[in-house]
């Protein structure tokens, strides 16, 4: 018979590296920018965001996409 209990783990020491963040720019044509851990824009993501805007998506649509990419 299998034991259905999952052993408890201490997650207090778990560290997840911060490799980037989403920055609100205030720029109508680039409302959000995804940057890496050094603060440099991630170029392929910038192109993707530009394509979203060019396709008629609202600027507020870019934020959830950026947050999803960070996950």
PDB file of N, CA and C in Angstrom:
ATOM      1  N   UNK A   1       0.835  -1.181   0.000  1.00  0.00           N
ATOM      2  CA  UNK A   1       0.000   0.000   0.000  1.00  0.00           C
ATOM      3  C   UNK A   1       0.887   1.253   0.000  1.00  0.00           C
ATOM      4  N   UNK A   2       0.534   2.218  -0.831  1.00  0.00           N
ATOM      5  CA  UNK A   2       1.300   3.459  -0.925  1.00  0.00           C
ATOM      6  C   UNK A   2       0.928   4.410   0.203  1.00  0.00           C
ATOM      7  N   UNK A   3       1.905   5.124   0.648  1.00  0.00           N
ATOM      8  CA  UNK A   3       1.667   6.140   1.657  1.00  0.00           C
ATOM      9  C   UNK A   3       1.301   7.436   0.949  1.00  0.00           C
ATOM     10  N   UNK A   4       0.117   7.971   1.211  1.00  0.00           N
ATOM     11  CA  UNK A   4      -0.347   9.194   0.548  1.00  0.00           C
ATOM     12  C   UNK A   4       0.172  10.458   1.212  1.00  0.00           C
ATOM     13  N   UNK A   5       0.880  10.316   2.294  1.00  0.00           N
ATOM     14  CA  UNK A   5       1.384  11.496   3.002  1.00  0.00           C
ATOM     15  C   UNK A   5       2.632  12.026   2.313  1.00  0.00           C
ATOM     16  N   UNK A   6       2.667  13.297   2.159  1.00  0.00           N
ATOM     17  CA  UNK A   6       3.826  13.966   1.570  1.00  0.00           C
ATOM     18  C   UNK A   6       4.671  14.491   2.717  1.00  0.00           C
ATOM     19  N   UNK A   7       5.949  14.188   2.724  1.00  0.00           N
ATOM     20  CA  UNK A   7       6.783  14.684   3.827  1.00  0.00           C
ATOM     21  C   UNK A   7       6.850  16.204   3.814  1.00  0.00           C
ATOM     22  N   UNK A   8       6.859  16.782   5.002  1.00  0.00           N
ATOM     23  CA  UNK A   8       6.951  18.237   5.105  1.00  0.00           C
ATOM     24  C   UNK A   8       8.367  18.674   4.767  1.00  0.00           C
ATOM     25  N   UNK A   9       8.458  19.811   4.097  1.00  0.00           N
ATOM     26  CA  UNK A   9       9.762  20.357   3.744  1.00  0.00           C
ATOM     27  C   UNK A   9       9.883  21.739   4.349  1.00  0.00           C
ATOM     28  N   UNK A  10      11.054  22.052   4.803  1.00  0.00           N
ATOM     29  CA  UNK A  10      11.329  23.381   5.338  1.00  0.00           C
ATOM     30  C   UNK A  10      11.688  24.294   4.171  1.00  0.00           C
ATOM     31  N   UNK A  11      10.783  25.194   3.822  1.00  0.00           N
ATOM     32  CA  UNK A  11      10.998  26.091   2.678  1.00  0.00           C
ATOM     33  C   UNK A  11      11.600  27.425   3.093  1.00  0.00           C
ATOM     34  N   UNK A  12      11.886  27.599   4.380  1.00  0.00           N
ATOM     35  CA  UNK A  12      12.402  28.887   4.851  1.00  0.00           C
ATOM     36  C   UNK A  12      13.777  29.211   4.270  1.00  0.00           C
ATOM     37  N   UNK A  13      14.525  28.202   3.866  1.00  0.00           N
ATOM     38  CA  UNK A  13      15.863  28.447   3.304  1.00  0.00           C
ATOM     39  C   UNK A  13      15.903  28.362   1.785  1.00  0.00           C
ATOM     40  N   UNK A  14      14.762  28.150   1.197  1.00  0.00           N
ATOM     41  CA  UNK A  14      14.682  28.059  -0.259  1.00  0.00           C
ATOM     42  C   UNK A  14      14.900  29.436  -0.858  1.00  0.00           C
ATOM     43  N   UNK A  15      15.826  29.534  -1.772  1.00  0.00           N
ATOM     44  CA  UNK A  15      16.056  30.802  -2.462  1.00  0.00           C
ATOM     45  C   UNK A  15      15.826  30.609  -3.946  1.00  0.00           C
ATOM     46  N   UNK A  16      15.157  31.560  -4.513  1.00  0.00           N
ATOM     47  CA  UNK A  16      14.881  31.549  -5.945  1.00  0.00           C
ATOM     48  C   UNK A  16      15.601  32.755  -6.525  1.00  0.00           C
ATOM     49  N   UNK A  17      16.498  32.521  -7.464  1.00  0.00           N
ATOM     50  CA  UNK A  17      17.243  33.658  -8.010  1.00  0.00           C
ATOM     51  C   UNK A  17      16.318  34.633  -8.740  1.00  0.00           C
ATOM     52  N   UNK A  18      16.579  35.888  -8.519  1.00  0.00           N
ATOM     53  CA  UNK A  18      15.823  36.920  -9.218  1.00  0.00           C
ATOM     54  C   UNK A  18      16.552  37.203 -10.517  1.00  0.00           C
ATOM     55  N   UNK A  19      15.957  36.784 -11.610  1.00  0.00           N
ATOM     56  CA  UNK A  19      16.653  36.925 -12.884  1.00  0.00           C
ATOM     57  C   UNK A  19      16.115  38.063 -13.717  1.00  0.00           C
ATOM     58  N   UNK A  20      15.075  38.715 -13.281  1.00  0.00           N
ATOM     59  CA  UNK A  20      14.548  39.826 -14.056  1.00  0.00           C
ATOM     60  C   UNK A  20      13.352  40.446 -13.384  1.00  0.00           C
ATOM     61  N   UNK A  21      12.845  41.484 -14.026  1.00  0.00           N
ATOM     62  CA  UNK A  21      11.653  42.151 -13.505  1.00  0.00           C
ATOM     63  C   UNK A  21      10.987  42.920 -14.637  1.00  0.00           C
ATOM     64  N   UNK A  22       9.753  43.291 -14.381  1.00  0.00           N
ATOM     65  CA  UNK A  22       8.981  44.057 -15.348  1.00  0.00           C
ATOM     66  C   UNK A  22       8.948  45.503 -14.879  1.00  0.00           C
ATOM     67  N   UNK A  23       9.352  46.419 -15.754  1.00  0.00           N
ATOM     68  CA  UNK A  23       9.453  47.832 -15.410  1.00  0.00           C
ATOM     69  C   UNK A  23       8.388  48.618 -16.181  1.00  0.00           C
ATOM     70  N   UNK A  24       7.637  49.440 -15.460  1.00  0.00           N
ATOM     71  CA  UNK A  24       6.687  50.342 -16.117  1.00  0.00           C
ATOM     72  C   UNK A  24       7.466  51.575 -16.554  1.00  0.00           C
ATOM     73  N   UNK A  25       7.370  51.916 -17.847  1.00  0.00           N
ATOM     74  CA  UNK A  25       8.217  52.982 -18.390  1.00  0.00           C
ATOM     75  C   UNK A  25       7.532  54.344 -18.456  1.00  0.00           C
ATOM     76  N   UNK A  26       6.202  54.349 -18.545  1.00  0.00           N
ATOM     77  CA  UNK A  26       5.498  55.613 -18.744  1.00  0.00           C
ATOM     78  C   UNK A  26       5.485  56.053 -20.200  1.00  0.00           C
ATOM     79  N   UNK A  27       6.112  55.285 -21.064  1.00  0.00           N
ATOM     80  CA  UNK A  27       6.182  55.565 -22.498  1.00  0.00           C
ATOM     81  C   UNK A  27       5.002  54.902 -23.207  1.00  0.00           C
ATOM     82  N   UNK A  28       4.264  55.662 -23.951  1.00  0.00           N
ATOM     83  CA  UNK A  28       3.087  55.144 -24.664  1.00  0.00           C
ATOM     84  C   UNK A  28       3.445  54.020 -25.629  1.00  0.00           C
ATOM     85  N   UNK A  29       4.610  54.105 -26.235  1.00  0.00           N
ATOM     86  CA  UNK A  29       5.017  53.139 -27.248  1.00  0.00           C
ATOM     87  C   UNK A  29       5.793  51.945 -26.674  1.00  0.00           C
ATOM     88  N   UNK A  30       6.184  52.052 -25.432  1.00  0.00           N
ATOM     89  CA  UNK A  30       6.827  50.944 -24.724  1.00  0.00           C
ATOM     90  C   UNK A  30       6.397  51.036 -23.259  1.00  0.00           C
ATOM     91  N   UNK A  31       5.145  50.657 -22.975  1.00  0.00           N
ATOM     92  CA  UNK A  31       4.620  50.857 -21.625  1.00  0.00           C
ATOM     93  C   UNK A  31       5.314  50.009 -20.553  1.00  0.00           C
ATOM     94  N   UNK A  32       5.815  48.857 -20.936  1.00  0.00           N
ATOM     95  CA  UNK A  32       6.515  47.968 -20.003  1.00  0.00           C
ATOM     96  C   UNK A  32       7.759  47.414 -20.678  1.00  0.00           C
ATOM     97  N   UNK A  33       8.765  47.177 -19.856  1.00  0.00           N
ATOM     98  CA  UNK A  33      10.015  46.613 -20.360  1.00  0.00           C
ATOM     99  C   UNK A  33      10.419  45.491 -19.416  1.00  0.00           C
ATOM    100  N   UNK A  34      10.722  44.341 -19.965  1.00  0.00           N
ATOM    101  CA  UNK A  34      11.235  43.244 -19.165  1.00  0.00           C
ATOM    102  C   UNK A  34      12.750  43.335 -19.176  1.00  0.00           C
ATOM    103  N   UNK A  35      13.338  43.414 -17.987  1.00  0.00           N
ATOM    104  CA  UNK A  35      14.789  43.551 -17.878  1.00  0.00           C
ATOM    105  C   UNK A  35      15.363  42.341 -17.148  1.00  0.00           C
ATOM    106  N   UNK A  36      16.625  42.051 -17.432  1.00  0.00           N
ATOM    107  CA  UNK A  36      17.291  40.930 -16.781  1.00  0.00           C
ATOM    108  C   UNK A  36      17.835  41.368 -15.423  1.00  0.00           C
ATOM    109  N   UNK A  37      18.545  40.479 -14.754  1.00  0.00           N
ATOM    110  CA  UNK A  37      19.063  40.757 -13.413  1.00  0.00           C
ATOM    111  C   UNK A  37      20.021  41.945 -13.394  1.00  0.00           C
ATOM    112  N   UNK A  38      20.650  42.237 -14.524  1.00  0.00           N
ATOM    113  CA  UNK A  38      21.569  43.380 -14.615  1.00  0.00           C
ATOM    114  C   UNK A  38      20.872  44.678 -15.007  1.00  0.00           C
ATOM    115  N   UNK A  39      19.559  44.609 -15.269  1.00  0.00           N
ATOM    116  CA  UNK A  39      18.810  45.796 -15.644  1.00  0.00           C
ATOM    117  C   UNK A  39      18.763  46.064 -17.137  1.00  0.00           C
ATOM    118  N   UNK A  40      19.306  45.159 -17.934  1.00  0.00           N
ATOM    119  CA  UNK A  40      19.294  45.322 -19.393  1.00  0.00           C
ATOM    120  C   UNK A  40      17.998  44.766 -19.967  1.00  0.00           C
ATOM    121  N   UNK A  41      17.451  45.459 -20.945  1.00  0.00           N
ATOM    122  CA  UNK A  41      16.222  45.007 -21.599  1.00  0.00           C
ATOM    123  C   UNK A  41      16.459  43.665 -22.281  1.00  0.00           C
ATOM    124  N   UNK A  42      15.466  42.784 -22.188  1.00  0.00           N
ATOM    125  CA  UNK A  42      15.532  41.489 -22.866  1.00  0.00           C
ATOM    126  C   UNK A  42      14.961  41.714 -24.264  1.00  0.00           C
ATOM    127  N   UNK A  43      15.840  41.760 -25.251  1.00  0.00           N
ATOM    128  CA  UNK A  43      15.483  42.167 -26.612  1.00  0.00           C
ATOM    129  C   UNK A  43      14.353  41.350 -27.240  1.00  0.00           C
ATOM    130  N   UNK A  44      14.368  40.017 -27.180  1.00  0.00           N
ATOM    131  CA  UNK A  44      13.273  39.270 -27.810  1.00  0.00           C
ATOM    132  C   UNK A  44      11.910  39.589 -27.191  1.00  0.00           C
ATOM    133  N   UNK A  45      11.909  39.862 -25.892  1.00  0.00           N
ATOM    134  CA  UNK A  45      10.652  40.212 -25.227  1.00  0.00           C
ATOM    135  C   UNK A  45      10.197  41.601 -25.659  1.00  0.00           C
ATOM    136  N   UNK A  46      11.134  42.520 -25.828  1.00  0.00           N
ATOM    137  CA  UNK A  46      10.788  43.867 -26.294  1.00  0.00           C
ATOM    138  C   UNK A  46      10.123  43.804 -27.660  1.00  0.00           C
ATOM    139  N   UNK A  47      10.643  42.951 -28.536  1.00  0.00           N
ATOM    140  CA  UNK A  47      10.053  42.778 -29.865  1.00  0.00           C
ATOM    141  C   UNK A  47       8.646  42.201 -29.743  1.00  0.00           C
ATOM    142  N   UNK A  48       8.487  41.214 -28.876  1.00  0.00           N
ATOM    143  CA  UNK A  48       7.174  40.611 -28.651  1.00  0.00           C
ATOM    144  C   UNK A  48       6.175  41.651 -28.158  1.00  0.00           C
ATOM    145  N   UNK A  49       6.580  42.479 -27.201  1.00  0.00           N
ATOM    146  CA  UNK A  49       5.692  43.534 -26.695  1.00  0.00           C
ATOM    147  C   UNK A  49       5.323  44.522 -27.809  1.00  0.00           C
ATOM    148  N   UNK A  50       6.285  44.875 -28.656  1.00  0.00           N
ATOM    149  CA  UNK A  50       6.004  45.779 -29.772  1.00  0.00           C
ATOM    150  C   UNK A  50       4.996  45.159 -30.729  1.00  0.00           C
ATOM    151  N   UNK A  51       5.123  43.858 -30.969  1.00  0.00           N
ATOM    152  CA  UNK A  51       4.182  43.172 -31.852  1.00  0.00           C
ATOM    153  C   UNK A  51       2.778  43.147 -31.257  1.00  0.00           C
ATOM    154  N   UNK A  52       2.683  42.969 -29.948  1.00  0.00           N
ATOM    155  CA  UNK A  52       1.373  43.016 -29.297  1.00  0.00           C
ATOM    156  C   UNK A  52       0.703  44.372 -29.526  1.00  0.00           C
ATOM    157  N   UNK A  53       1.469  45.437 -29.306  1.00  0.00           N
ATOM    158  CA  UNK A  53       0.931  46.783 -29.475  1.00  0.00           C
ATOM    159  C   UNK A  53       0.580  47.060 -30.933  1.00  0.00           C
ATOM    160  N   UNK A  54       1.429  46.608 -31.852  1.00  0.00           N
ATOM    161  CA  UNK A  54       1.179  46.818 -33.279  1.00  0.00           C
ATOM    162  C   UNK A  54      -0.072  46.066 -33.745  1.00  0.00           C
ATOM    163  N   UNK A  55      -0.387  44.971 -33.064  1.00  0.00           N
ATOM    164  CA  UNK A  55      -1.575  44.191 -33.415  1.00  0.00           C
ATOM    165  C   UNK A  55      -2.838  44.792 -32.828  1.00  0.00           C
ATOM    166  N   UNK A  56      -2.698  45.924 -32.154  1.00  0.00           N
ATOM    167  CA  UNK A  56      -3.871  46.609 -31.624  1.00  0.00           C
ATOM    168  C   UNK A  56      -4.220  46.270 -30.185  1.00  0.00           C
ATOM    169  N   UNK A  57      -3.347  45.520 -29.511  1.00  0.00           N
ATOM    170  CA  UNK A  57      -3.608  45.203 -28.110  1.00  0.00           C
ATOM    171  C   UNK A  57      -3.396  46.449 -27.269  1.00  0.00           C
ATOM    172  N   UNK A  58      -4.173  46.573 -26.212  1.00  0.00           N
ATOM    173  CA  UNK A  58      -4.046  47.717 -25.311  1.00  0.00           C
ATOM    174  C   UNK A  58      -2.744  47.619 -24.522  1.00  0.00           C
ATOM    175  N   UNK A  59      -2.227  48.763 -24.127  1.00  0.00           N
ATOM    176  CA  UNK A  59      -0.981  48.797 -23.362  1.00  0.00           C
ATOM    177  C   UNK A  59      -1.100  47.992 -22.069  1.00  0.00           C
ATOM    178  N   UNK A  60      -2.277  47.986 -21.466  1.00  0.00           N
ATOM    179  CA  UNK A  60      -2.450  47.233 -20.221  1.00  0.00           C
ATOM    180  C   UNK A  60      -2.382  45.725 -20.445  1.00  0.00           C
ATOM    181  N   UNK A  61      -2.489  45.281 -21.678  1.00  0.00           N
ATOM    182  CA  UNK A  61      -2.372  43.856 -22.002  1.00  0.00           C
ATOM    183  C   UNK A  61      -0.922  43.386 -21.891  1.00  0.00           C
ATOM    184  N   UNK A  62       0.012  44.280 -22.105  1.00  0.00           N
ATOM    185  CA  UNK A  62       1.428  43.921 -22.089  1.00  0.00           C
ATOM    186  C   UNK A  62       1.848  43.456 -20.695  1.00  0.00           C
ATOM    187  N   UNK A  63       1.325  44.085 -19.667  1.00  0.00           N
ATOM    188  CA  UNK A  63       1.746  43.751 -18.294  1.00  0.00           C
ATOM    189  C   UNK A  63       1.487  42.281 -17.942  1.00  0.00           C
ATOM    190  N   UNK A  64       0.277  41.747 -18.128  1.00  0.00           N
ATOM    191  CA  UNK A  64       0.076  40.337 -17.782  1.00  0.00           C
ATOM    192  C   UNK A  64       0.959  39.375 -18.583  1.00  0.00           C
ATOM    193  N   UNK A  65       1.216  39.727 -19.846  1.00  0.00           N
ATOM    194  CA  UNK A  65       2.119  38.892 -20.641  1.00  0.00           C
ATOM    195  C   UNK A  65       3.519  38.914 -20.026  1.00  0.00           C
ATOM    196  N   UNK A  66       3.970  40.095 -19.626  1.00  0.00           N
ATOM    197  CA  UNK A  66       5.292  40.215 -19.010  1.00  0.00           C
ATOM    198  C   UNK A  66       5.374  39.459 -17.700  1.00  0.00           C
ATOM    199  N   UNK A  67       4.343  39.555 -16.878  1.00  0.00           N
ATOM    200  CA  UNK A  67       4.334  38.835 -15.615  1.00  0.00           C
ATOM    201  C   UNK A  67       4.344  37.331 -15.851  1.00  0.00           C
ATOM    202  N   UNK A  68       3.627  36.895 -16.866  1.00  0.00           N
ATOM    203  CA  UNK A  68       3.618  35.487 -17.209  1.00  0.00           C
ATOM    204  C   UNK A  68       4.982  34.997 -17.661  1.00  0.00           C
ATOM    205  N   UNK A  69       5.684  35.819 -18.416  1.00  0.00           N
ATOM    206  CA  UNK A  69       7.026  35.444 -18.857  1.00  0.00           C
ATOM    207  C   UNK A  69       7.988  35.343 -17.677  1.00  0.00           C
ATOM    208  N   UNK A  70       7.806  36.172 -16.680  1.00  0.00           N
ATOM    209  CA  UNK A  70       8.668  36.098 -15.507  1.00  0.00           C
ATOM    210  C   UNK A  70       8.439  34.817 -14.716  1.00  0.00           C
ATOM    211  N   UNK A  71       7.198  34.350 -14.730  1.00  0.00           N
ATOM    212  CA  UNK A  71       6.894  33.111 -14.008  1.00  0.00           C
ATOM    213  C   UNK A  71       7.545  31.952 -14.681  1.00  0.00           C
TER     214      UNK A  71
END
